[in-house]
């Protein structure tokens, strides 16, 4: 797994009320690493933040980590099914 995935997992666990419910997966889709962040339904707002600022910051960190290690990545925030 990539360092970008690790960054998302550490930060998400620090943000939420239920860190044990955090799950981060990484798949490859057409040469781009797709990092999916799953959190408890009650923590979804904490991860997205006001007007999406926290989610935007997480996506920026994923992009920086991916650029540093010379690959493309994107972050998707999802609610568990």
N, C-alpha and C. Protein backbone atom coordinates (compact mmCIF):
# COMPACT_ATOMS: atom_id res chain seq x y z
N UNK A 1 0.83 -1.19 0.00
CA UNK A 1 0.00 0.00 0.00
C UNK A 1 0.88 1.25 0.00
N UNK A 2 0.30 2.34 -0.40
CA UNK A 2 1.07 3.56 -0.57
C UNK A 2 1.11 4.41 0.70
N UNK A 3 2.04 5.36 0.67
CA UNK A 3 2.17 6.29 1.78
C UNK A 3 0.96 7.22 1.86
N UNK A 4 0.35 7.52 0.72
CA UNK A 4 -0.84 8.37 0.69
C UNK A 4 -1.97 7.71 1.47
N UNK A 5 -2.12 6.41 1.32
CA UNK A 5 -3.14 5.67 2.07
C UNK A 5 -2.87 5.75 3.57
N UNK A 6 -1.62 5.60 3.95
CA UNK A 6 -1.25 5.68 5.36
C UNK A 6 -1.54 7.06 5.95
N UNK A 7 -1.28 8.11 5.17
CA UNK A 7 -1.55 9.48 5.63
C UNK A 7 -3.04 9.65 5.90
N UNK A 8 -3.87 9.17 4.98
CA UNK A 8 -5.32 9.30 5.14
C UNK A 8 -5.78 8.55 6.39
N UNK A 9 -5.28 7.35 6.59
CA UNK A 9 -5.71 6.55 7.73
C UNK A 9 -5.34 7.21 9.06
N UNK A 10 -4.13 7.71 9.18
CA UNK A 10 -3.69 8.33 10.43
C UNK A 10 -4.51 9.59 10.73
N UNK A 11 -4.70 10.42 9.73
CA UNK A 11 -5.45 11.67 9.95
C UNK A 11 -6.92 11.38 10.23
N UNK A 12 -7.51 10.46 9.50
CA UNK A 12 -8.93 10.15 9.70
C UNK A 12 -9.16 9.59 11.10
N UNK A 13 -8.29 8.71 11.57
CA UNK A 13 -8.45 8.15 12.92
C UNK A 13 -8.34 9.24 13.98
N UNK A 14 -7.56 10.27 13.73
CA UNK A 14 -7.42 11.38 14.67
C UNK A 14 -8.65 12.29 14.67
N UNK A 15 -9.34 12.36 13.56
CA UNK A 15 -10.49 13.27 13.43
C UNK A 15 -11.80 12.72 13.99
N UNK A 16 -12.01 11.43 13.89
CA UNK A 16 -13.33 10.85 14.17
C UNK A 16 -13.50 10.47 15.64
N UNK A 17 -14.77 10.26 16.01
CA UNK A 17 -15.09 9.81 17.36
C UNK A 17 -14.94 8.30 17.50
N UNK A 18 -15.10 7.57 16.38
CA UNK A 18 -14.98 6.11 16.38
C UNK A 18 -13.82 5.68 15.49
N UNK A 19 -12.58 5.76 15.99
CA UNK A 19 -11.43 5.43 15.13
C UNK A 19 -11.38 3.97 14.70
N UNK A 20 -12.01 3.08 15.46
CA UNK A 20 -12.01 1.67 15.06
C UNK A 20 -12.88 1.41 13.84
N UNK A 21 -13.79 2.32 13.53
CA UNK A 21 -14.68 2.15 12.38
C UNK A 21 -14.04 2.66 11.09
N UNK A 22 -12.88 3.30 11.18
CA UNK A 22 -12.22 3.83 9.99
C UNK A 22 -11.61 2.69 9.19
N UNK A 23 -11.91 2.69 7.90
CA UNK A 23 -11.33 1.69 6.99
C UNK A 23 -10.86 2.43 5.74
N UNK A 24 -9.65 2.14 5.31
CA UNK A 24 -9.09 2.78 4.13
C UNK A 24 -8.65 1.69 3.16
N UNK A 25 -9.16 1.77 1.94
CA UNK A 25 -8.77 0.81 0.92
C UNK A 25 -8.12 1.55 -0.24
N UNK A 26 -7.33 0.83 -0.99
CA UNK A 26 -6.67 1.43 -2.16
C UNK A 26 -6.77 0.47 -3.33
N UNK A 27 -7.25 0.98 -4.45
CA UNK A 27 -7.34 0.19 -5.67
C UNK A 27 -6.74 1.00 -6.81
N UNK A 28 -6.42 0.32 -7.88
CA UNK A 28 -5.86 0.99 -9.05
C UNK A 28 -6.93 1.05 -10.13
N UNK A 29 -7.17 2.24 -10.65
CA UNK A 29 -8.17 2.41 -11.71
C UNK A 29 -7.53 3.23 -12.83
N UNK A 30 -7.18 2.56 -13.91
CA UNK A 30 -6.58 3.21 -15.08
C UNK A 30 -5.33 4.02 -14.73
N UNK A 31 -4.48 3.44 -13.91
CA UNK A 31 -3.21 4.09 -13.56
C UNK A 31 -3.29 5.10 -12.44
N UNK A 32 -4.46 5.27 -11.84
CA UNK A 32 -4.64 6.20 -10.73
C UNK A 32 -5.01 5.41 -9.49
N UNK A 33 -4.31 5.65 -8.40
CA UNK A 33 -4.64 5.00 -7.14
C UNK A 33 -5.88 5.67 -6.56
N UNK A 34 -6.93 4.89 -6.36
CA UNK A 34 -8.16 5.40 -5.77
C UNK A 34 -8.18 4.96 -4.31
N UNK A 35 -8.09 5.93 -3.42
CA UNK A 35 -8.09 5.67 -1.99
C UNK A 35 -9.50 5.96 -1.48
N UNK A 36 -10.12 4.94 -0.90
CA UNK A 36 -11.48 5.09 -0.38
C UNK A 36 -11.43 5.10 1.14
N UNK A 37 -12.04 6.10 1.72
CA UNK A 37 -12.10 6.26 3.17
C UNK A 37 -13.52 5.98 3.62
N UNK A 38 -13.68 4.97 4.48
CA UNK A 38 -14.98 4.62 5.05
C UNK A 38 -14.96 4.99 6.52
N UNK A 39 -15.98 5.73 6.96
CA UNK A 39 -16.11 6.10 8.37
C UNK A 39 -17.52 5.81 8.84
N UNK A 40 -17.72 5.79 10.15
CA UNK A 40 -19.06 5.59 10.71
C UNK A 40 -19.98 6.72 10.26
N UNK A 41 -21.27 6.44 10.10
CA UNK A 41 -22.20 7.48 9.63
C UNK A 41 -22.17 8.75 10.48
N UNK A 42 -21.98 8.61 11.77
CA UNK A 42 -21.94 9.79 12.64
C UNK A 42 -20.68 10.62 12.49
N UNK A 43 -19.65 10.05 11.91
CA UNK A 43 -18.37 10.75 11.75
C UNK A 43 -18.18 11.34 10.36
N UNK A 44 -19.12 11.11 9.48
CA UNK A 44 -18.99 11.59 8.11
C UNK A 44 -18.85 13.12 8.06
N UNK A 45 -19.62 13.81 8.86
CA UNK A 45 -19.54 15.27 8.90
C UNK A 45 -18.21 15.78 9.42
N UNK A 46 -17.63 15.06 10.36
CA UNK A 46 -16.33 15.46 10.90
C UNK A 46 -15.23 15.33 9.85
N UNK A 47 -15.33 14.33 9.00
CA UNK A 47 -14.32 14.11 7.98
C UNK A 47 -14.50 15.09 6.82
N UNK A 48 -15.73 15.42 6.50
CA UNK A 48 -15.99 16.36 5.41
C UNK A 48 -15.71 17.79 5.86
N UNK A 49 -16.11 18.14 7.07
CA UNK A 49 -15.83 19.48 7.59
C UNK A 49 -16.80 20.52 7.08
N UNK A 50 -16.67 21.70 7.62
CA UNK A 50 -17.55 22.80 7.20
C UNK A 50 -17.23 23.21 5.78
N UNK A 51 -18.26 23.19 4.96
CA UNK A 51 -18.16 23.54 3.55
C UNK A 51 -17.10 22.71 2.83
N UNK A 52 -16.82 21.51 3.34
CA UNK A 52 -15.90 20.59 2.67
C UNK A 52 -14.43 20.92 2.85
N UNK A 53 -14.11 21.78 3.80
CA UNK A 53 -12.71 22.20 3.96
C UNK A 53 -11.80 21.07 4.43
N UNK A 54 -12.28 20.24 5.35
CA UNK A 54 -11.45 19.13 5.83
C UNK A 54 -11.24 18.11 4.73
N UNK A 55 -12.28 17.80 3.99
CA UNK A 55 -12.16 16.86 2.87
C UNK A 55 -11.20 17.41 1.82
N UNK A 56 -11.29 18.69 1.55
CA UNK A 56 -10.39 19.31 0.59
C UNK A 56 -8.93 19.23 1.06
N UNK A 57 -8.72 19.46 2.35
CA UNK A 57 -7.37 19.37 2.90
C UNK A 57 -6.84 17.94 2.81
N UNK A 58 -7.69 16.95 3.10
CA UNK A 58 -7.28 15.55 2.97
C UNK A 58 -6.91 15.22 1.52
N UNK A 59 -7.70 15.71 0.58
CA UNK A 59 -7.40 15.45 -0.83
C UNK A 59 -6.09 16.12 -1.25
N UNK A 60 -5.83 17.29 -0.71
CA UNK A 60 -4.57 17.97 -0.99
C UNK A 60 -3.39 17.16 -0.46
N UNK A 61 -3.51 16.65 0.76
CA UNK A 61 -2.44 15.83 1.34
C UNK A 61 -2.22 14.55 0.53
N UNK A 62 -3.28 13.95 0.06
CA UNK A 62 -3.15 12.75 -0.77
C UNK A 62 -2.39 13.10 -2.06
N UNK A 63 -2.74 14.21 -2.66
CA UNK A 63 -2.07 14.64 -3.88
C UNK A 63 -0.59 14.92 -3.66
N UNK A 64 -0.27 15.57 -2.55
CA UNK A 64 1.13 15.88 -2.24
C UNK A 64 1.92 14.59 -2.00
N UNK A 65 1.36 13.68 -1.21
CA UNK A 65 2.04 12.41 -0.94
C UNK A 65 2.23 11.61 -2.22
N UNK A 66 1.23 11.62 -3.08
CA UNK A 66 1.32 10.88 -4.34
C UNK A 66 2.37 11.52 -5.25
N UNK A 67 2.39 12.83 -5.35
CA UNK A 67 3.39 13.52 -6.17
C UNK A 67 4.80 13.25 -5.66
N UNK A 68 4.96 13.25 -4.36
CA UNK A 68 6.27 13.02 -3.76
C UNK A 68 6.81 11.63 -4.13
N UNK A 69 5.90 10.66 -4.22
CA UNK A 69 6.31 9.29 -4.55
C UNK A 69 6.04 8.94 -6.02
N UNK A 70 5.77 9.99 -6.82
CA UNK A 70 5.68 9.87 -8.27
C UNK A 70 4.58 8.93 -8.76
N UNK A 71 3.35 9.14 -8.28
CA UNK A 71 2.19 8.45 -8.83
C UNK A 71 0.97 9.34 -8.65
N UNK A 72 -0.12 8.99 -9.29
CA UNK A 72 -1.36 9.76 -9.20
C UNK A 72 -2.31 9.07 -8.23
N UNK A 73 -3.03 9.89 -7.45
CA UNK A 73 -3.99 9.32 -6.49
C UNK A 73 -5.15 10.29 -6.30
N UNK A 74 -6.28 9.71 -5.93
CA UNK A 74 -7.47 10.49 -5.61
C UNK A 74 -8.12 9.90 -4.37
N UNK A 75 -8.85 10.73 -3.64
CA UNK A 75 -9.50 10.31 -2.41
C UNK A 75 -11.01 10.35 -2.57
N UNK A 76 -11.67 9.27 -2.18
CA UNK A 76 -13.12 9.20 -2.16
C UNK A 76 -13.55 8.93 -0.71
N UNK A 77 -14.45 9.73 -0.19
CA UNK A 77 -14.96 9.54 1.16
C UNK A 77 -16.33 8.90 1.06
N UNK A 78 -16.48 7.76 1.72
CA UNK A 78 -17.70 6.98 1.60
C UNK A 78 -18.24 6.59 2.98
N UNK A 79 -19.54 6.33 2.98
CA UNK A 79 -20.20 5.80 4.16
C UNK A 79 -20.28 4.29 3.99
N UNK A 80 -20.04 3.52 5.05
CA UNK A 80 -20.11 2.06 4.89
C UNK A 80 -21.53 1.63 4.51
N UNK A 81 -21.60 0.58 3.70
CA UNK A 81 -22.91 0.09 3.23
C UNK A 81 -23.65 -0.64 4.31
